[in-house]
Protein backbone atom coordinates (compact mmCIF):
# COMPACT_ATOMS: atom_id res chain seq x y z
CA UNK A 1 -30.06 -1.36 -11.27
CA UNK A 2 -26.80 -2.33 -12.17
CA UNK A 3 -25.05 0.26 -12.83
CA UNK A 4 -24.19 1.10 -16.62
CA UNK A 5 -20.73 3.01 -17.56
CA UNK A 6 -21.13 5.73 -19.82
CA UNK A 7 -19.51 4.79 -23.32
CA UNK A 8 -17.34 5.66 -26.40
CA UNK A 9 -15.68 3.75 -28.85
CA UNK A 10 -13.97 0.35 -27.47
CA UNK A 11 -9.98 -0.07 -27.03
CA UNK A 12 -9.83 -0.66 -30.66
CA UNK A 13 -12.65 2.23 -31.57
CA UNK A 14 -12.32 5.85 -32.61
CA UNK A 15 -12.26 8.07 -30.16
CA UNK A 16 -15.22 10.52 -29.49
CA UNK A 17 -15.00 13.67 -28.04
CA UNK A 18 -14.92 13.44 -23.43
CA UNK A 19 -17.57 14.65 -21.16
CA UNK A 20 -16.85 13.08 -18.20
CA UNK A 21 -14.57 10.69 -16.25
CA UNK A 22 -16.65 9.33 -13.76
CA UNK A 23 -18.46 5.79 -14.00
CA UNK A 24 -22.44 6.36 -13.31
CA UNK A 25 -25.35 4.15 -12.34
CA UNK A 26 -28.84 3.98 -13.70
CA UNK A 27 -29.82 7.10 -11.49
CA UNK A 28 -27.29 9.13 -13.42
CA UNK A 29 -24.97 8.65 -9.49
CA UNK A 30 -21.14 8.72 -9.81
CA UNK A 31 -20.18 5.52 -9.00
CA UNK A 32 -16.34 4.89 -9.51
CA UNK A 33 -14.00 7.42 -10.82
CA UNK A 34 -12.02 5.52 -13.86
CA UNK A 35 -9.08 7.83 -14.87
CA UNK A 36 -8.96 11.48 -15.88
CA UNK A 37 -9.01 12.82 -19.39
CA UNK A 38 -11.48 9.09 -19.79
CA UNK A 39 -13.65 9.52 -23.04
CA UNK A 40 -17.15 9.00 -22.86
CA UNK A 41 -17.59 5.31 -22.12
CA UNK A 42 -21.32 4.72 -22.67
CA UNK A 43 -24.78 5.89 -23.10
CA UNK A 44 -27.99 5.62 -21.10
CA UNK A 45 -30.32 5.49 -23.68
CA UNK A 46 -30.48 3.55 -26.90
CA UNK A 47 -28.51 4.17 -30.57
CA UNK A 48 -30.66 4.76 -33.66
CA UNK A 49 -29.24 3.62 -36.49
CA UNK A 50 -27.76 4.93 -39.52
CA UNK A 51 -30.97 4.37 -41.43
CA UNK A 52 -31.15 4.28 -45.41
CA UNK A 53 -28.15 6.11 -47.33
CA UNK A 54 -29.97 8.82 -49.44
CA UNK A 55 -28.90 10.70 -52.47
CA UNK A 56 -30.76 13.98 -51.18
CA UNK A 57 -28.83 16.66 -53.79
CA UNK A 58 -30.26 14.35 -56.56
CA UNK A 59 -33.91 14.56 -55.47
CA UNK A 60 -33.75 17.97 -54.87
CA UNK A 61 -32.40 18.76 -58.60
CA UNK A 62 -35.49 16.37 -59.90
CA UNK A 63 -37.93 17.93 -57.58
CA UNK A 64 -37.06 20.93 -59.04
CA UNK A 65 -37.07 19.82 -63.10
CA UNK A 66 -33.39 20.60 -63.05
CA UNK A 67 -31.75 18.89 -66.08
CA UNK A 68 -28.40 17.55 -64.55
CA UNK A 69 -25.36 18.01 -66.81
CA UNK A 70 -23.17 15.24 -67.10
CA UNK A 71 -20.42 13.88 -69.80
CA UNK A 72 -18.32 11.34 -70.17
CA UNK A 73 -15.86 12.15 -72.49
CA UNK A 74 -14.05 9.38 -74.32
CA UNK A 75 -10.41 11.02 -73.81
CA UNK A 76 -11.13 11.48 -70.50
CA UNK A 77 -12.82 8.26 -69.11
CA UNK A 78 -14.51 9.42 -66.27
CA UNK A 79 -17.71 11.17 -65.00
CA UNK A 80 -17.53 15.22 -65.29
CA UNK A 81 -20.12 17.83 -65.96
CA UNK A 82 -21.09 20.50 -63.19
CA UNK A 83 -23.37 17.64 -61.87
CA UNK A 84 -20.69 14.67 -61.29
CA UNK A 85 -20.18 14.98 -58.16
CA UNK A 86 -24.38 13.94 -57.70
CA UNK A 87 -23.64 11.33 -59.79
CA UNK A 88 -20.82 9.66 -58.00
CA UNK A 89 -22.80 10.31 -54.64
CA UNK A 90 -25.64 8.19 -56.32
CA UNK A 91 -22.66 5.55 -56.69
CA UNK A 92 -22.29 5.71 -53.71
CA UNK A 93 -25.50 4.99 -53.18
CA UNK A 94 -25.86 1.96 -55.49
CA UNK A 95 -23.09 0.16 -53.83
CA UNK A 96 -25.17 0.66 -50.70
CA UNK A 97 -28.00 -0.75 -51.46
CA UNK A 98 -26.82 -2.95 -53.95
CA UNK A 99 -23.15 -4.16 -53.68
CA UNK A 100 -22.02 -6.87 -51.05
CA UNK A 101 -18.91 -5.12 -49.24
CA UNK A 102 -17.74 -8.48 -48.84
CA UNK A 103 -15.59 -8.71 -52.21
CA UNK A 104 -12.01 -7.51 -52.41
CA UNK A 105 -11.88 -6.34 -56.06
CA UNK A 106 -14.72 -5.03 -58.18
CA UNK A 107 -13.68 -7.23 -60.65
CA UNK A 108 -14.49 -10.38 -58.93
CA UNK A 109 -17.83 -9.04 -58.14
CA UNK A 110 -19.98 -11.32 -60.52
CA UNK A 111 -17.97 -14.61 -59.66
CA UNK A 112 -19.13 -14.20 -55.91
CA UNK A 113 -23.13 -12.66 -56.45
CA UNK A 114 -24.11 -12.84 -60.58
CA UNK A 115 -25.65 -10.32 -61.69
CA UNK A 116 -24.66 -7.68 -59.55
CA UNK A 117 -22.90 -5.41 -62.49
CA UNK A 118 -26.13 -5.49 -64.18
CA UNK A 119 -28.51 -4.76 -61.30
CA UNK A 120 -26.16 -1.40 -60.71
CA UNK A 121 -26.06 -0.55 -64.61
CA UNK A 122 -30.02 -0.87 -64.36
CA UNK A 123 -29.76 1.10 -61.56
CA UNK A 124 -27.97 4.20 -62.28
CA UNK A 125 -30.47 4.10 -65.75
CA UNK A 126 -32.93 4.45 -64.16
CA UNK A 127 -31.68 7.40 -61.98
CA UNK A 128 -30.05 8.95 -64.66
CA UNK A 129 -31.85 9.12 -68.23
CA UNK A 130 -29.24 11.33 -69.11
CA UNK A 131 -26.40 8.74 -69.37
CA UNK A 132 -26.97 6.58 -72.81
CA UNK A 133 -25.52 2.79 -73.53
CA UNK A 134 -22.66 4.18 -75.22
CA UNK A 135 -21.71 5.43 -72.07
CA UNK A 136 -21.92 2.39 -69.69
CA UNK A 137 -18.47 1.40 -70.27
CA UNK A 138 -16.88 4.85 -68.31
CA UNK A 139 -20.34 4.13 -65.55
CA UNK A 140 -19.33 0.97 -64.92
CA UNK A 141 -15.57 1.89 -64.59
CA UNK A 142 -16.76 4.90 -62.49
CA UNK A 143 -18.34 2.60 -60.26
CA UNK A 144 -15.50 -0.41 -60.14
CA UNK A 145 -13.27 2.42 -58.87
CA UNK A 146 -15.32 4.45 -55.89
CA UNK A 147 -16.39 0.85 -54.86
CA UNK A 148 -12.28 -0.39 -54.53
CA UNK A 149 -11.26 2.70 -53.11
CA UNK A 150 -14.02 1.83 -50.64
CA UNK A 151 -12.62 -1.30 -49.97
CA UNK A 152 -9.16 -0.49 -49.53
CA UNK A 153 -9.76 2.39 -47.00
CA UNK A 154 -12.38 -0.42 -45.29
CA UNK A 155 -9.48 -2.76 -45.37
CA UNK A 156 -6.97 -0.67 -43.82
CA UNK A 157 -8.83 0.68 -41.32
CA UNK A 158 -9.25 -3.16 -40.06
CA UNK A 159 -5.67 -3.45 -40.38
CA UNK A 160 -5.18 -0.42 -37.96
CA UNK A 161 -7.53 -2.22 -34.77
CA UNK A 162 -4.72 -4.12 -32.42
CA UNK A 163 -7.44 -5.35 -30.57
CA UNK A 164 -10.89 -6.20 -31.19
CA UNK A 165 -13.98 -6.63 -28.96
CA UNK A 166 -15.41 -9.34 -30.17
CA UNK A 167 -18.49 -9.27 -27.30
CA UNK A 168 -20.84 -7.53 -28.50
CA UNK A 169 -21.45 -3.84 -28.45
CA UNK A 170 -20.29 -3.21 -24.63
CA UNK A 171 -17.03 -1.65 -24.32
CA UNK A 172 -13.85 -3.37 -22.41
CA UNK A 173 -13.77 -1.37 -19.96
CA UNK A 174 -17.35 -1.60 -19.50
CA UNK A 175 -16.69 -5.25 -18.93
CA UNK A 176 -14.07 -4.65 -16.80
CA UNK A 177 -16.16 -2.20 -15.03
CA UNK A 178 -18.87 -4.95 -14.52
CA UNK A 179 -15.78 -7.45 -13.03
CA UNK A 180 -14.73 -5.02 -10.40
CA UNK A 181 -14.90 -6.90 -6.70
CA UNK A 182 -18.18 -5.25 -5.77
CA UNK A 183 -16.88 -5.56 -1.97
CA UNK A 184 -13.48 -3.45 -2.67
CA UNK A 185 -14.05 -1.69 -6.29
CA UNK A 186 -10.95 -3.10 -6.98
CA UNK A 187 -10.01 -3.07 -11.20
CA UNK A 188 -9.94 -7.07 -12.08
CA UNK A 189 -5.82 -7.76 -13.50
CA UNK A 190 -5.75 -7.77 -17.67
CA UNK A 191 -5.46 -11.41 -17.07
CA UNK A 192 -8.66 -11.79 -16.60
CA UNK A 193 -10.14 -9.46 -18.72
CA UNK A 194 -8.57 -10.93 -21.53
CA UNK A 195 -9.80 -14.02 -21.24
CA UNK A 196 -13.35 -13.07 -20.31
CA UNK A 197 -13.79 -11.17 -23.75
CA UNK A 198 -11.54 -13.59 -25.56
CA UNK A 199 -11.76 -16.96 -24.26
CA UNK A 200 -15.04 -18.77 -24.64
CA UNK A 201 -16.41 -21.65 -22.39
CA UNK A 202 -14.74 -24.54 -23.73
CA UNK A 203 -11.48 -23.09 -23.24
CA UNK A 204 -10.39 -22.17 -26.63
CA UNK A 205 -9.77 -18.54 -27.69
CA UNK A 206 -11.60 -16.40 -30.15
CA UNK A 207 -8.31 -14.72 -31.55
CA UNK A 208 -5.62 -16.87 -33.38
CA UNK A 209 -3.03 -15.78 -30.67
CA UNK A 210 -5.35 -15.44 -27.48
CA UNK A 211 -2.62 -18.18 -25.75
CA UNK A 212 0.19 -16.25 -26.62
CA UNK A 213 -0.71 -12.66 -25.54
CA UNK A 214 -2.29 -14.13 -22.25
CA UNK A 215 1.10 -15.82 -21.41
CA UNK A 216 2.93 -11.62 -22.76
CA UNK A 217 0.28 -10.39 -20.05
CA UNK A 218 1.95 -12.88 -17.47
CA UNK A 219 4.98 -12.13 -17.93
CA UNK A 220 4.60 -8.55 -17.90
CA UNK A 221 2.80 -8.88 -14.31
CA UNK A 222 5.56 -10.12 -13.13
CA UNK A 223 8.50 -7.85 -14.59
CA UNK A 224 6.33 -4.44 -14.87
CA UNK A 225 5.15 -4.72 -11.56
CA UNK A 226 5.33 -1.63 -10.21
CA UNK A 227 4.41 0.29 -13.27
CA UNK A 228 1.31 -1.26 -13.66
CA UNK A 229 -0.04 -0.66 -9.67
CA UNK A 230 1.23 3.19 -9.66
CA UNK A 231 -1.34 3.40 -13.34
CA UNK A 232 -4.73 5.31 -12.30
CA UNK A 233 -6.21 2.13 -13.98
CA UNK A 234 -3.98 -0.82 -13.82
CA UNK A 235 -5.35 -3.46 -16.55
CA UNK A 236 -5.07 0.13 -19.05
CA UNK A 237 -1.54 -0.13 -18.55
CA UNK A 238 -0.49 -2.99 -18.48
CA UNK A 239 -2.29 -3.89 -21.97
CA UNK A 240 -0.67 -0.67 -23.31
CA UNK A 241 2.86 -2.77 -22.21
CA UNK A 242 1.92 -5.73 -24.11
CA UNK A 243 -0.29 -4.41 -27.18
CA UNK A 244 1.47 -1.33 -27.42
CA UNK A 245 0.07 2.52 -28.15
CA UNK A 246 -1.53 3.98 -31.01
CA UNK A 247 -1.25 7.83 -31.97
CA UNK A 248 -4.15 8.95 -30.55
CA UNK A 249 -5.26 5.68 -28.69
CA UNK A 250 -3.52 4.49 -25.47
CA UNK A 251 -6.12 1.70 -24.73
CA UNK A 252 -8.78 3.44 -23.24
CA UNK A 253 -6.50 6.06 -21.64
CA UNK A 254 -7.68 8.77 -24.28
CA UNK A 255 -5.82 11.29 -26.41
CA UNK A 256 -5.57 13.38 -22.99
CA UNK A 257 -2.24 10.91 -22.20
CA UNK A 258 0.88 11.95 -23.39
CA UNK A 259 1.87 8.68 -25.95
CA UNK A 260 6.08 9.14 -25.78
CA UNK A 261 6.27 6.54 -28.31
CA UNK A 262 3.84 7.41 -30.74
CA UNK A 263 5.12 11.08 -31.27
CA UNK A 264 9.32 9.35 -31.23
CA UNK A 265 7.92 7.45 -34.09
CA UNK A 266 6.56 10.17 -35.24
CA UNK A 267 9.02 12.49 -35.24
CA UNK A 268 11.54 9.95 -36.88
CA UNK A 269 8.98 9.39 -39.48
CA UNK A 270 8.84 13.77 -40.31
CA UNK A 271 12.61 13.23 -39.80
CA UNK A 272 12.67 10.56 -42.63
CA UNK A 273 10.90 12.41 -45.02
CA UNK A 274 12.21 15.42 -44.22
CA UNK A 275 15.50 13.81 -45.62
CA UNK A 276 13.90 12.16 -48.23
CA UNK A 277 12.46 15.78 -49.62
CA UNK A 278 15.70 17.21 -49.09
CA UNK A 279 17.86 14.45 -51.18
CA UNK A 280 14.65 14.88 -53.54
CA UNK A 281 16.08 18.71 -53.71
CA UNK A 282 19.30 18.26 -54.11
CA UNK A 283 18.63 15.78 -57.37
CA UNK A 284 17.07 18.38 -58.37
CA UNK A 285 19.75 21.25 -58.12
CA UNK A 286 22.54 19.46 -59.04
CA UNK A 287 20.33 18.16 -62.76
CA UNK A 288 19.49 21.54 -62.44
CA UNK A 289 23.06 22.46 -62.47
CA UNK A 290 24.08 19.88 -64.23
CA UNK A 291 21.55 21.56 -67.24
CA UNK A 292 23.23 24.64 -66.84
CA UNK A 293 26.64 23.60 -67.48
CA UNK A 294 25.58 22.14 -70.49
CA UNK A 295 23.71 24.84 -72.09
CA UNK A 296 27.00 27.22 -70.93
CA UNK A 297 29.56 24.50 -72.40
CA UNK A 298 27.02 24.71 -75.75
CA UNK A 299 27.36 28.29 -75.88
CA UNK A 300 30.96 28.09 -74.88
CA UNK A 301 31.39 26.11 -78.49
CA UNK A 302 29.17 28.21 -80.15
CA UNK A 303 31.30 30.88 -79.69
CA UNK A 304 34.64 29.53 -80.10
CA UNK A 305 33.54 28.52 -83.65
CA UNK A 306 32.34 31.90 -84.33
CA UNK A 307 35.41 33.29 -83.17
CA UNK A 308 37.76 30.87 -85.27
CA UNK A 309 35.78 32.02 -88.13
CA UNK A 310 35.85 35.58 -87.74
CA UNK A 311 39.91 35.11 -87.61
CA UNK A 312 40.10 33.19 -90.33
CA UNK A 313 37.90 36.01 -92.01
CA UNK A 314 40.18 38.22 -90.74
CA UNK A 315 43.11 36.38 -92.24
CA UNK A 316 41.50 36.16 -95.48
CA UNK A 317 40.90 39.88 -95.56
CA UNK A 318 44.73 40.78 -94.47
CA UNK A 319 45.63 38.33 -96.99
CA UNK A 320 43.63 40.04 -100.14
CA UNK A 321 44.64 43.76 -98.76
CA UNK A 322 48.55 42.09 -99.08
CA UNK A 323 48.00 40.82 -102.96
CA UNK A 324 45.95 45.05 -103.80
CA UNK A 325 49.06 46.64 -101.54
CA UNK A 326 51.58 44.15 -103.63
CA UNK A 327 49.24 45.06 -107.37
CA UNK A 328 49.30 48.36 -106.87
CA UNK A 329 53.27 49.02 -106.07
CA UNK A 330 53.35 46.82 -109.71
CA UNK A 331 51.08 48.86 -111.35
CA UNK A 332 52.87 52.08 -109.87
CA UNK A 333 56.25 51.00 -110.72
CA UNK A 334 55.05 50.51 -114.50
CA UNK A 335 53.89 53.75 -114.66
CA UNK A 336 57.26 54.96 -113.59
CA UNK A 337 58.80 53.38 -116.14
CA UNK A 338 56.83 54.39 -118.58
CA UNK A 339 56.84 57.62 -118.04
CA UNK A 340 60.23 57.74 -117.84
């Protein structure tokens, strides 16, 4: 029986839990050590499909006869109520079953697949008698929001795949293991492995920049020969030097391998974010100080106006007292003259 390798994620896939660093044959015997910390590279049994997506919580509520609390307030334009999460989950089920994910934006759905929006509206009306025809705009807005968010997530995830294996379900390490020299157990070179994965029988490439990457692999093989040869698995280090590394996935090395370049990038990003936050805080503090200065200026102006008013009042009172004093003196003089 041909040896098989325990597999997990491909070089571009998501990491799973590490269980062994050994390649095994069909009888469970260790036949080749790959790399300490290597992720599980395969399964010796067939994987089960994900099956049909269902909303189990909704089914349980319906089975118990519990009326659903769903509302679409006009001022919010979105689903609210105690069972809003159940409705959103059913929208996800509906999208999976009735909508194509090949459309980037929901607004283009009916142009690409006519009748989809009507089908989804009828689907949700059947599932939720609680919603009315007047709620259609809000219901479809909720569908659009969830679909676009899902589409953006998928696009972002696809964009992060630096190297995509286009050879079915086999991992790149499994292909490399099958290409090893049976006599010497020598691993294939990165160039041979790359051509086995991406070069078609007619010599063309299944990726747009295949020839360019292959040339880069040859160049690095000459300039970094010692570094590649000293690596636990040479082709892994070779690919990393040409294609780069991810923060949590060093081209088959696994998260146990410290990725210094990624750490430095993360540190720089963290420093930049901290500097940006510090600048924002300083700007907010400056704005607060400016507001306080304006407030104190206004208070000072008010106090100055009040002081000026009191000064004018005191001057007026002094003039009044002086006038009264003069009138008193005249009266006294007049009385004295009359008495004499």
